[in-house]
Amino acid sequence: MPVPKFSIRRLIYLGLAVLGFWVMVQVSRTGLWQIPWISRIFYNPPQPIRVVAPADISFPSTLAKIGQGLLATQVLISENEMTRLLSDSLTMTRLGISRPNLVVEPESLEFSFLIPQRNNAQVRLYLFPLLNDKKELDFQIQKTLIGEVKFPSWIIGQPTRLLLAQELNTFLKASHKPSAVKTQSGNLVLNF
């Protein structure tokens, strides 16, 4: 019985099959597309650190009082207030995202939302707050995840970071410029 020869062509086909399978697994792990049996095996819907309920009222009135010199120079903005602000502002846009959730941890912020047009795929950004040269609130992206897969931040992280910073800075314009920003569990701390 002759021994089958291992040809370079078979090796190339095997390599392409393995590469194709790996790509399908990675695509299914994002949650953007459902691949029938691969998604069931390899995709577990990610969950945020915790789900934050939007506050009943937003925080612009507090910042307006700071601008008039009526309050202390340190303000705590809760994750509930920021989630409410983002929920209100995102409903006015046509970005096609839903259920924004902003969790503030001692070392970072987790901003997550769903993309309903894509099987409710969850996007999570891990951000660090800072002040830019103009003393405006900005964020440094630590990592961007779509589903369970880490993506380069320029794909979806940078536009989302800009939107988040723009919305928060719009409400900060009523007050003095902050001199420092830090996080504590559940709150963004602004010093004026």
N, C-alpha and C. Protein backbone atom coordinates (compact mmCIF):
# COMPACT_ATOMS: atom_id res chain seq x y z
N MET A 1 0.84 -1.17 0.00
CA MET A 1 0.00 0.00 0.00
C MET A 1 0.89 1.24 0.00
N PRO A 2 0.69 2.12 -0.97
CA PRO A 2 1.55 3.29 -1.05
C PRO A 2 1.21 4.31 0.04
N VAL A 3 2.24 4.96 0.52
CA VAL A 3 2.07 6.00 1.53
C VAL A 3 1.75 7.31 0.80
N PRO A 4 0.66 8.01 1.23
CA PRO A 4 0.33 9.26 0.53
C PRO A 4 1.43 10.30 0.76
N LYS A 5 1.75 10.99 -0.28
CA LYS A 5 2.77 12.02 -0.18
C LYS A 5 2.15 13.30 0.38
N PHE A 6 2.91 13.90 1.26
CA PHE A 6 2.47 15.16 1.86
C PHE A 6 2.92 16.27 0.93
N SER A 7 1.97 16.89 0.26
CA SER A 7 2.34 17.91 -0.72
C SER A 7 2.18 19.31 -0.13
N ILE A 8 2.85 20.22 -0.74
CA ILE A 8 2.78 21.62 -0.32
C ILE A 8 1.38 22.17 -0.54
N ARG A 9 0.70 21.68 -1.58
CA ARG A 9 -0.66 22.14 -1.87
C ARG A 9 -1.61 21.76 -0.73
N ARG A 10 -1.49 20.54 -0.21
CA ARG A 10 -2.33 20.13 0.91
C ARG A 10 -2.04 20.97 2.15
N LEU A 11 -0.79 21.28 2.36
CA LEU A 11 -0.41 22.12 3.50
C LEU A 11 -1.02 23.51 3.37
N ILE A 12 -1.03 24.06 2.18
CA ILE A 12 -1.63 25.39 1.95
C ILE A 12 -3.14 25.33 2.20
N TYR A 13 -3.81 24.30 1.68
CA TYR A 13 -5.26 24.15 1.91
C TYR A 13 -5.58 24.00 3.39
N LEU A 14 -4.78 23.22 4.09
CA LEU A 14 -4.99 23.04 5.52
C LEU A 14 -4.79 24.36 6.26
N GLY A 15 -3.75 25.09 5.89
CA GLY A 15 -3.49 26.40 6.51
C GLY A 15 -4.63 27.38 6.27
N LEU A 16 -5.15 27.40 5.03
CA LEU A 16 -6.28 28.28 4.72
C LEU A 16 -7.53 27.88 5.48
N ALA A 17 -7.77 26.58 5.63
CA ALA A 17 -8.94 26.11 6.39
C ALA A 17 -8.83 26.51 7.86
N VAL A 18 -7.65 26.34 8.44
CA VAL A 18 -7.44 26.74 9.85
C VAL A 18 -7.60 28.25 9.99
N LEU A 19 -7.05 29.02 9.08
CA LEU A 19 -7.18 30.47 9.12
C LEU A 19 -8.64 30.89 8.98
N GLY A 20 -9.37 30.28 8.06
CA GLY A 20 -10.79 30.59 7.88
C GLY A 20 -11.60 30.28 9.13
N PHE A 21 -11.33 29.14 9.75
CA PHE A 21 -12.03 28.78 10.99
C PHE A 21 -11.71 29.77 12.10
N TRP A 22 -10.43 30.17 12.23
CA TRP A 22 -10.03 31.14 13.26
C TRP A 22 -10.74 32.48 13.04
N VAL A 23 -10.84 32.93 11.79
CA VAL A 23 -11.54 34.19 11.49
C VAL A 23 -13.01 34.08 11.87
N MET A 24 -13.65 32.97 11.55
CA MET A 24 -15.07 32.79 11.91
C MET A 24 -15.26 32.79 13.42
N VAL A 25 -14.34 32.18 14.15
CA VAL A 25 -14.43 32.19 15.62
C VAL A 25 -14.30 33.61 16.14
N GLN A 26 -13.33 34.38 15.64
CA GLN A 26 -13.13 35.75 16.12
C GLN A 26 -14.33 36.63 15.78
N VAL A 27 -14.88 36.48 14.60
CA VAL A 27 -16.06 37.26 14.21
C VAL A 27 -17.24 36.91 15.09
N SER A 28 -17.42 35.63 15.39
CA SER A 28 -18.55 35.25 16.25
C SER A 28 -18.35 35.73 17.68
N ARG A 29 -17.11 35.84 18.15
CA ARG A 29 -16.84 36.32 19.51
C ARG A 29 -17.14 37.80 19.69
N THR A 30 -17.24 38.56 18.59
CA THR A 30 -17.61 39.97 18.72
C THR A 30 -19.09 40.14 19.00
N GLY A 31 -19.90 39.19 18.57
CA GLY A 31 -21.34 39.32 18.71
C GLY A 31 -21.98 40.12 17.59
N LEU A 32 -21.17 40.65 16.67
CA LEU A 32 -21.71 41.46 15.57
C LEU A 32 -22.46 40.59 14.57
N TRP A 33 -22.00 39.37 14.35
CA TRP A 33 -22.65 38.43 13.45
C TRP A 33 -22.80 37.10 14.17
N GLN A 34 -23.90 36.43 13.89
CA GLN A 34 -24.14 35.11 14.47
C GLN A 34 -23.81 34.06 13.42
N ILE A 35 -22.85 33.21 13.72
CA ILE A 35 -22.51 32.10 12.85
C ILE A 35 -23.06 30.85 13.55
N PRO A 36 -24.04 30.16 12.92
CA PRO A 36 -24.88 29.19 13.61
C PRO A 36 -24.24 28.35 14.71
N TRP A 37 -23.40 27.43 14.45
CA TRP A 37 -22.92 26.58 15.54
C TRP A 37 -21.67 27.13 16.20
N ILE A 38 -20.93 27.98 15.51
CA ILE A 38 -19.71 28.55 16.09
C ILE A 38 -20.05 29.56 17.19
N SER A 39 -21.07 30.40 16.97
CA SER A 39 -21.45 31.40 17.99
C SER A 39 -21.92 30.73 19.27
N ARG A 40 -22.65 29.64 19.15
CA ARG A 40 -23.13 28.94 20.35
C ARG A 40 -21.98 28.42 21.19
N ILE A 41 -20.91 28.01 20.54
CA ILE A 41 -19.78 27.43 21.26
C ILE A 41 -18.83 28.51 21.79
N PHE A 42 -18.52 29.52 20.97
CA PHE A 42 -17.45 30.45 21.30
C PHE A 42 -17.90 31.81 21.82
N TYR A 43 -19.18 32.16 21.74
CA TYR A 43 -19.61 33.50 22.15
C TYR A 43 -20.41 33.45 23.45
N ASN A 44 -19.91 34.14 24.44
CA ASN A 44 -20.63 34.36 25.70
C ASN A 44 -20.89 35.85 25.80
N PRO A 45 -22.15 36.29 25.83
CA PRO A 45 -22.42 37.72 25.90
C PRO A 45 -21.75 38.36 27.12
N PRO A 46 -20.91 39.37 26.91
CA PRO A 46 -20.23 40.01 28.04
C PRO A 46 -21.21 40.84 28.86
N GLN A 47 -20.88 41.06 30.10
CA GLN A 47 -21.69 41.87 30.99
C GLN A 47 -20.84 43.02 31.51
N PRO A 48 -21.45 44.20 31.72
CA PRO A 48 -20.69 45.29 32.32
C PRO A 48 -20.34 44.95 33.77
N ILE A 49 -19.45 45.73 34.36
CA ILE A 49 -19.07 45.52 35.76
C ILE A 49 -20.32 45.52 36.63
N ARG A 50 -21.18 46.49 36.41
CA ARG A 50 -22.50 46.54 37.05
C ARG A 50 -23.39 47.40 36.18
N VAL A 51 -24.69 47.21 36.29
CA VAL A 51 -25.64 48.00 35.52
C VAL A 51 -26.02 49.20 36.37
N VAL A 52 -25.86 50.39 35.79
CA VAL A 52 -26.13 51.64 36.50
C VAL A 52 -27.48 52.17 36.05
N ALA A 53 -28.34 52.44 37.02
CA ALA A 53 -29.65 53.03 36.71
C ALA A 53 -29.47 54.53 36.52
N PRO A 54 -29.99 55.10 35.44
CA PRO A 54 -29.87 56.55 35.25
C PRO A 54 -30.54 57.32 36.38
N ALA A 55 -29.94 58.43 36.78
CA ALA A 55 -30.49 59.27 37.85
C ALA A 55 -31.78 59.92 37.38
N ASP A 56 -32.62 60.32 38.35
CA ASP A 56 -33.87 61.00 38.02
C ASP A 56 -33.62 62.40 37.48
N ILE A 57 -32.59 63.06 38.00
CA ILE A 57 -32.24 64.40 37.52
C ILE A 57 -30.78 64.40 37.09
N SER A 58 -30.44 65.35 36.26
CA SER A 58 -29.07 65.45 35.80
C SER A 58 -28.34 66.51 36.61
N PHE A 59 -27.05 66.67 36.39
CA PHE A 59 -26.23 67.52 37.24
C PHE A 59 -25.94 68.93 36.75
N PRO A 60 -26.50 69.46 35.66
CA PRO A 60 -26.16 70.81 35.23
C PRO A 60 -26.47 71.89 36.27
N SER A 61 -27.51 71.72 37.09
CA SER A 61 -27.84 72.75 38.08
C SER A 61 -26.74 72.85 39.13
N THR A 62 -26.14 71.74 39.50
CA THR A 62 -25.04 71.76 40.46
C THR A 62 -23.86 72.53 39.89
N LEU A 63 -23.54 72.28 38.63
CA LEU A 63 -22.41 72.96 38.01
C LEU A 63 -22.69 74.44 37.80
N ALA A 64 -23.93 74.81 37.56
CA ALA A 64 -24.27 76.23 37.41
C ALA A 64 -24.04 76.96 38.73
N LYS A 65 -24.35 76.32 39.86
CA LYS A 65 -24.12 76.95 41.16
C LYS A 65 -22.63 77.13 41.42
N ILE A 66 -21.81 76.21 40.93
CA ILE A 66 -20.36 76.37 41.08
C ILE A 66 -19.91 77.59 40.28
N GLY A 67 -20.44 77.74 39.08
CA GLY A 67 -20.09 78.89 38.24
C GLY A 67 -20.44 80.21 38.90
N GLN A 68 -21.46 80.22 39.76
CA GLN A 68 -21.85 81.44 40.47
C GLN A 68 -21.11 81.57 41.80
N GLY A 69 -20.24 80.62 42.12
CA GLY A 69 -19.48 80.67 43.37
C GLY A 69 -20.30 80.28 44.58
N LEU A 70 -21.38 79.53 44.43
CA LEU A 70 -22.26 79.20 45.55
C LEU A 70 -21.92 77.87 46.22
N LEU A 71 -21.09 77.05 45.61
CA LEU A 71 -20.79 75.74 46.19
C LEU A 71 -19.30 75.56 46.41
N ALA A 72 -18.97 74.47 47.07
CA ALA A 72 -17.57 74.14 47.34
C ALA A 72 -16.82 73.89 46.04
N THR A 73 -15.53 73.77 46.16
CA THR A 73 -14.71 73.63 44.96
C THR A 73 -14.51 72.19 44.53
N GLN A 74 -15.12 71.25 45.22
CA GLN A 74 -15.04 69.85 44.80
C GLN A 74 -16.44 69.32 44.56
N VAL A 75 -16.63 68.70 43.42
CA VAL A 75 -17.95 68.17 43.07
C VAL A 75 -17.80 66.70 42.71
N LEU A 76 -18.72 65.90 43.24
CA LEU A 76 -18.80 64.49 42.89
C LEU A 76 -19.94 64.32 41.90
N ILE A 77 -19.63 63.81 40.73
CA ILE A 77 -20.66 63.52 39.73
C ILE A 77 -20.83 62.01 39.72
N SER A 78 -22.00 61.56 40.08
CA SER A 78 -22.21 60.11 40.21
C SER A 78 -22.30 59.45 38.84
N GLU A 79 -22.03 58.16 38.84
CA GLU A 79 -22.15 57.39 37.60
C GLU A 79 -23.60 57.36 37.14
N ASN A 80 -24.55 57.47 38.07
CA ASN A 80 -25.97 57.52 37.70
C ASN A 80 -26.28 58.80 36.91
N GLU A 81 -25.72 59.93 37.37
CA GLU A 81 -25.94 61.20 36.67
C GLU A 81 -25.30 61.20 35.29
N MET A 82 -24.10 60.65 35.20
CA MET A 82 -23.43 60.61 33.89
C MET A 82 -24.14 59.64 32.94
N THR A 83 -24.65 58.53 33.46
CA THR A 83 -25.41 57.60 32.63
C THR A 83 -26.69 58.28 32.13
N ARG A 84 -27.34 59.06 32.97
CA ARG A 84 -28.54 59.79 32.56
C ARG A 84 -28.21 60.80 31.46
N LEU A 85 -27.13 61.55 31.65
CA LEU A 85 -26.71 62.53 30.65
C LEU A 85 -26.46 61.85 29.31
N LEU A 86 -25.76 60.73 29.32
CA LEU A 86 -25.46 60.03 28.07
C LEU A 86 -26.71 59.42 27.46
N SER A 87 -27.61 58.90 28.28
CA SER A 87 -28.87 58.36 27.76
C SER A 87 -29.67 59.44 27.06
N ASP A 88 -29.77 60.62 27.70
CA ASP A 88 -30.52 61.73 27.11
C ASP A 88 -29.89 62.21 25.81
N SER A 89 -28.57 62.36 25.80
CA SER A 89 -27.93 62.91 24.60
C SER A 89 -27.89 61.89 23.46
N LEU A 90 -27.77 60.61 23.77
CA LEU A 90 -27.70 59.61 22.71
C LEU A 90 -29.05 59.34 22.07
N THR A 91 -30.14 59.60 22.79
CA THR A 91 -31.46 59.43 22.17
C THR A 91 -31.71 60.50 21.12
N MET A 92 -30.99 61.63 21.22
CA MET A 92 -31.16 62.70 20.24
C MET A 92 -30.31 62.48 18.99
N THR A 93 -29.38 61.56 19.03
CA THR A 93 -28.52 61.30 17.87
C THR A 93 -29.04 60.11 17.08
N ARG A 94 -28.46 59.90 15.93
CA ARG A 94 -28.85 58.76 15.08
C ARG A 94 -27.73 57.72 15.02
N LEU A 95 -27.03 57.56 16.12
CA LEU A 95 -25.90 56.64 16.12
C LEU A 95 -26.31 55.18 16.15
N GLY A 96 -27.53 54.90 16.55
CA GLY A 96 -27.99 53.53 16.57
C GLY A 96 -27.42 52.71 17.71
N ILE A 97 -27.17 53.36 18.85
CA ILE A 97 -26.72 52.61 20.02
C ILE A 97 -27.76 52.77 21.12
N SER A 98 -27.79 51.80 22.01
CA SER A 98 -28.78 51.85 23.08
C SER A 98 -28.17 51.39 24.40
N ARG A 99 -28.89 51.65 25.44
CA ARG A 99 -28.53 51.29 26.81
C ARG A 99 -27.10 51.67 27.20
N PRO A 100 -26.77 52.97 27.15
CA PRO A 100 -25.44 53.36 27.62
C PRO A 100 -25.34 53.12 29.12
N ASN A 101 -24.17 52.75 29.55
CA ASN A 101 -23.92 52.43 30.95
C ASN A 101 -22.52 52.91 31.29
N LEU A 102 -22.39 53.79 32.27
CA LEU A 102 -21.08 54.31 32.66
C LEU A 102 -20.82 53.92 34.10
N VAL A 103 -19.82 53.10 34.31
CA VAL A 103 -19.44 52.63 35.64
C VAL A 103 -18.12 53.29 36.01
N VAL A 104 -18.07 53.91 37.19
CA VAL A 104 -16.85 54.56 37.65
C VAL A 104 -16.21 53.68 38.73
N GLU A 105 -15.00 53.27 38.46
CA GLU A 105 -14.20 52.48 39.40
C GLU A 105 -13.03 53.34 39.87
N PRO A 106 -12.34 52.94 40.94
CA PRO A 106 -11.23 53.76 41.43
C PRO A 106 -10.12 54.02 40.40
N GLU A 107 -9.88 53.11 39.49
CA GLU A 107 -8.79 53.28 38.53
C GLU A 107 -9.23 53.66 37.12
N SER A 108 -10.51 53.50 36.80
CA SER A 108 -10.94 53.78 35.43
C SER A 108 -12.45 53.89 35.35
N LEU A 109 -12.93 54.18 34.15
CA LEU A 109 -14.36 54.19 33.86
C LEU A 109 -14.62 53.11 32.82
N GLU A 110 -15.76 52.44 32.96
CA GLU A 110 -16.18 51.49 31.93
C GLU A 110 -17.43 52.06 31.29
N PHE A 111 -17.33 52.40 30.01
CA PHE A 111 -18.48 52.90 29.26
C PHE A 111 -18.90 51.79 28.32
N SER A 112 -20.13 51.31 28.47
CA SER A 112 -20.61 50.22 27.61
C SER A 112 -21.95 50.60 27.00
N PHE A 113 -22.22 50.02 25.84
CA PHE A 113 -23.50 50.23 25.16
C PHE A 113 -23.73 49.08 24.20
N LEU A 114 -24.97 48.98 23.74
CA LEU A 114 -25.35 47.93 22.80
C LEU A 114 -25.54 48.51 21.40
N ILE A 115 -25.26 47.70 20.39
CA ILE A 115 -25.52 48.07 19.00
C ILE A 115 -26.69 47.21 18.54
N PRO A 116 -27.94 47.74 18.59
CA PRO A 116 -29.11 46.91 18.27
C PRO A 116 -29.13 46.37 16.85
N GLN A 117 -28.59 47.12 15.88
CA GLN A 117 -28.62 46.65 14.50
C GLN A 117 -27.72 45.44 14.29
N ARG A 118 -26.86 45.17 15.23
CA ARG A 118 -25.92 44.06 15.11
C ARG A 118 -26.11 43.06 16.25
N ASN A 119 -27.31 42.50 16.36
CA ASN A 119 -27.59 41.44 17.33
C ASN A 119 -27.32 41.86 18.77
N ASN A 120 -27.49 43.15 19.07
CA ASN A 120 -27.22 43.67 20.41
C ASN A 120 -25.79 43.38 20.87
N ALA A 121 -24.85 43.54 19.97
CA ALA A 121 -23.44 43.37 20.33
C ALA A 121 -23.06 44.44 21.34
N GLN A 122 -22.31 44.04 22.35
CA GLN A 122 -21.93 45.00 23.39
C GLN A 122 -20.54 45.53 23.14
N VAL A 123 -20.41 46.86 23.23
CA VAL A 123 -19.13 47.54 23.11
C VAL A 123 -18.77 48.04 24.50
N ARG A 124 -17.53 47.80 24.91
CA ARG A 124 -17.06 48.28 26.20
C ARG A 124 -15.76 49.05 26.01
N LEU A 125 -15.72 50.26 26.57
CA LEU A 125 -14.51 51.07 26.56
C LEU A 125 -14.04 51.24 27.99
N TYR A 126 -12.77 51.06 28.21
CA TYR A 126 -12.18 51.32 29.52
C TYR A 126 -11.36 52.59 29.38
N LEU A 127 -11.73 53.61 30.16
CA LEU A 127 -11.19 54.95 30.00
C LEU A 127 -10.57 55.45 31.30
N PHE A 128 -9.63 56.37 31.16
CA PHE A 128 -9.04 57.05 32.31
C PHE A 128 -9.28 58.54 32.12
N PRO A 129 -9.94 59.23 33.08
CA PRO A 129 -10.22 60.65 32.90
C PRO A 129 -8.98 61.51 33.15
N LEU A 130 -8.88 62.59 32.39
CA LEU A 130 -7.79 63.55 32.57
C LEU A 130 -8.23 64.90 32.04
N LEU A 131 -7.41 65.91 32.27
CA LEU A 131 -7.67 67.25 31.74
C LEU A 131 -6.70 67.51 30.60
N ASN A 132 -7.21 68.05 29.49
CA ASN A 132 -6.32 68.38 28.38
C ASN A 132 -5.68 69.75 28.59
N ASP A 133 -4.96 70.24 27.59
CA ASP A 133 -4.25 71.52 27.72
C ASP A 133 -5.18 72.70 27.94
N LYS A 134 -6.42 72.60 27.47
CA LYS A 134 -7.40 73.68 27.63
C LYS A 134 -8.19 73.55 28.93
N LYS A 135 -7.75 72.65 29.82
CA LYS A 135 -8.43 72.38 31.09
C LYS A 135 -9.85 71.86 30.87
N GLU A 136 -10.02 71.09 29.81
CA GLU A 136 -11.30 70.44 29.54
C GLU A 136 -11.16 68.95 29.85
N LEU A 137 -12.27 68.37 30.24
CA LEU A 137 -12.29 66.95 30.56
C LEU A 137 -12.06 66.12 29.30
N ASP A 138 -11.18 65.16 29.39
CA ASP A 138 -10.88 64.27 28.27
C ASP A 138 -10.65 62.87 28.85
N PHE A 139 -10.48 61.91 27.98
CA PHE A 139 -10.29 60.54 28.43
C PHE A 139 -9.19 59.88 27.64
N GLN A 140 -8.42 59.05 28.31
CA GLN A 140 -7.43 58.22 27.66
C GLN A 140 -8.01 56.81 27.57
N ILE A 141 -7.99 56.24 26.39
CA ILE A 141 -8.56 54.91 26.20
C ILE A 141 -7.54 53.86 26.65
N GLN A 142 -7.97 53.01 27.58
CA GLN A 142 -7.11 51.92 28.02
C GLN A 142 -7.31 50.68 27.15
N LYS A 143 -8.56 50.35 26.84
CA LYS A 143 -8.83 49.27 25.90
C LYS A 143 -10.25 49.36 25.38
N THR A 144 -10.45 48.80 24.19
CA THR A 144 -11.76 48.77 23.53
C THR A 144 -12.10 47.31 23.23
N LEU A 145 -13.28 46.90 23.69
CA LEU A 145 -13.75 45.53 23.44
C LEU A 145 -15.08 45.57 22.71
N ILE A 146 -15.20 44.77 21.67
CA ILE A 146 -16.49 44.54 21.02
C ILE A 146 -16.78 43.07 21.25
N GLY A 147 -17.84 42.82 22.01
CA GLY A 147 -18.08 41.45 22.45
C GLY A 147 -16.97 41.04 23.39
N GLU A 148 -16.26 40.00 23.02
CA GLU A 148 -15.14 39.51 23.83
C GLU A 148 -13.79 39.79 23.18
N VAL A 149 -13.79 40.52 22.07
CA VAL A 149 -12.57 40.70 21.29
C VAL A 149 -12.05 42.13 21.46
N LYS A 150 -10.75 42.23 21.73
CA LYS A 150 -10.10 43.53 21.85
C LYS A 150 -9.85 44.10 20.45
N PHE A 151 -10.23 45.38 20.28
CA PHE A 151 -10.08 46.05 18.99
C PHE A 151 -9.17 47.26 19.14
N PRO A 152 -8.54 47.70 18.05
CA PRO A 152 -7.79 48.96 18.10
C PRO A 152 -8.75 50.10 18.44
N SER A 153 -8.29 51.04 19.24
CA SER A 153 -9.18 52.10 19.72
C SER A 153 -9.66 53.04 18.62
N TRP A 154 -8.94 53.15 17.51
CA TRP A 154 -9.36 54.09 16.46
C TRP A 154 -10.63 53.63 15.75
N ILE A 155 -10.97 52.35 15.83
CA ILE A 155 -12.16 51.85 15.13
C ILE A 155 -13.43 52.41 15.73
N ILE A 156 -13.63 52.23 17.01
CA ILE A 156 -14.85 52.71 17.66
C ILE A 156 -14.53 53.49 18.94
N GLY A 157 -13.37 53.26 19.51
CA GLY A 157 -13.00 53.91 20.77
C GLY A 157 -12.82 55.41 20.66
N GLN A 158 -12.08 55.87 19.66
CA GLN A 158 -11.82 57.32 19.53
C GLN A 158 -13.10 58.11 19.29
N PRO A 159 -13.96 57.71 18.35
CA PRO A 159 -15.20 58.48 18.17
C PRO A 159 -16.08 58.48 19.42
N THR A 160 -16.14 57.37 20.13
CA THR A 160 -16.95 57.30 21.34
C THR A 160 -16.33 58.15 22.44
N ARG A 161 -15.01 58.13 22.56
CA ARG A 161 -14.32 58.96 23.55
C ARG A 161 -14.61 60.44 23.29
N LEU A 162 -14.56 60.85 22.03
CA LEU A 162 -14.84 62.24 21.69
C LEU A 162 -16.27 62.62 22.03
N LEU A 163 -17.22 61.73 21.75
CA LEU A 163 -18.63 61.99 22.08
C LEU A 163 -18.81 62.13 23.58
N LEU A 164 -18.23 61.24 24.35
CA LEU A 164 -18.34 61.27 25.80
C LEU A 164 -17.74 62.55 26.37
N ALA A 165 -16.54 62.91 25.92
CA ALA A 165 -15.90 64.13 26.40
C ALA A 165 -16.70 65.37 25.99
N GLN A 166 -17.22 65.39 24.78
CA GLN A 166 -18.01 66.53 24.31
C GLN A 166 -19.26 66.72 25.15
N GLU A 167 -19.97 65.64 25.45
CA GLU A 167 -21.20 65.75 26.24
C GLU A 167 -20.92 66.25 27.65
N LEU A 168 -19.88 65.73 28.28
CA LEU A 168 -19.57 66.18 29.64
C LEU A 168 -19.05 67.62 29.65
N ASN A 169 -18.24 68.00 28.66
CA ASN A 169 -17.72 69.36 28.61
C ASN A 169 -18.81 70.38 28.29
N THR A 170 -19.85 69.98 27.57
CA THR A 170 -20.97 70.88 27.30
C THR A 170 -21.59 71.36 28.61
N PHE A 171 -21.76 70.45 29.55
CA PHE A 171 -22.35 70.83 30.83
C PHE A 171 -21.35 71.48 31.76
N LEU A 172 -20.07 71.23 31.58
CA LEU A 172 -19.05 71.88 32.42
C LEU A 172 -18.82 73.33 32.02
N LYS A 173 -19.28 73.75 30.85
CA LYS A 173 -19.07 75.13 30.41
C LYS A 173 -19.80 76.13 31.29
N ALA A 174 -20.84 75.69 32.00
CA ALA A 174 -21.58 76.59 32.89
C ALA A 174 -20.79 76.92 34.15
N SER A 175 -19.72 76.20 34.40
CA SER A 175 -18.95 76.41 35.63
C SER A 175 -17.53 76.85 35.27
N HIS A 176 -16.74 77.03 36.32
CA HIS A 176 -15.32 77.32 36.11
C HIS A 176 -14.65 76.09 35.52
N LYS A 177 -13.46 76.28 34.99
CA LYS A 177 -12.71 75.14 34.45
C LYS A 177 -12.18 74.31 35.62
N PRO A 178 -12.29 72.99 35.52
CA PRO A 178 -11.76 72.15 36.60
C PRO A 178 -10.24 72.20 36.63
N SER A 179 -9.68 72.09 37.84
CA SER A 179 -8.22 72.08 37.98
C SER A 179 -7.68 70.66 38.10
N ALA A 180 -8.53 69.73 38.51
CA ALA A 180 -8.10 68.33 38.63
C ALA A 180 -9.32 67.42 38.51
N VAL A 181 -9.06 66.21 38.08
CA VAL A 181 -10.12 65.21 37.96
C VAL A 181 -9.56 63.88 38.45
N LYS A 182 -10.39 63.13 39.17
CA LYS A 182 -10.00 61.80 39.61
C LYS A 182 -11.25 60.95 39.75
N THR A 183 -11.05 59.68 39.98
CA THR A 183 -12.19 58.77 40.13
C THR A 183 -12.16 58.15 41.52
N GLN A 184 -13.34 57.86 42.00
CA GLN A 184 -13.50 57.02 43.17
C GLN A 184 -14.69 56.13 42.86
N SER A 185 -14.87 55.09 43.60
CA SER A 185 -15.90 54.13 43.27
C SER A 185 -17.28 54.79 43.19
N GLY A 186 -17.87 54.79 42.00
CA GLY A 186 -19.20 55.34 41.79
C GLY A 186 -19.26 56.82 41.46
N ASN A 187 -18.14 57.55 41.53
CA ASN A 187 -18.15 59.00 41.31
C ASN A 187 -16.94 59.47 40.53
N LEU A 188 -17.18 60.50 39.73
CA LEU A 188 -16.11 61.25 39.09
C LEU A 188 -15.93 62.50 39.93
N VAL A 189 -14.72 62.77 40.41
CA VAL A 189 -14.46 63.88 41.32
C VAL A 189 -13.79 65.00 40.53
N LEU A 190 -14.44 66.17 40.53
CA LEU A 190 -13.88 67.35 39.86
C LEU A 190 -13.51 68.38 40.91
N ASN A 191 -12.28 68.88 40.84
CA ASN A 191 -11.83 69.97 41.70
C ASN A 191 -11.79 71.24 40.88
N PHE A 192 -12.35 72.33 41.43
CA PHE A 192 -12.39 73.61 40.73
C PHE A 192 -11.50 74.62 41.41
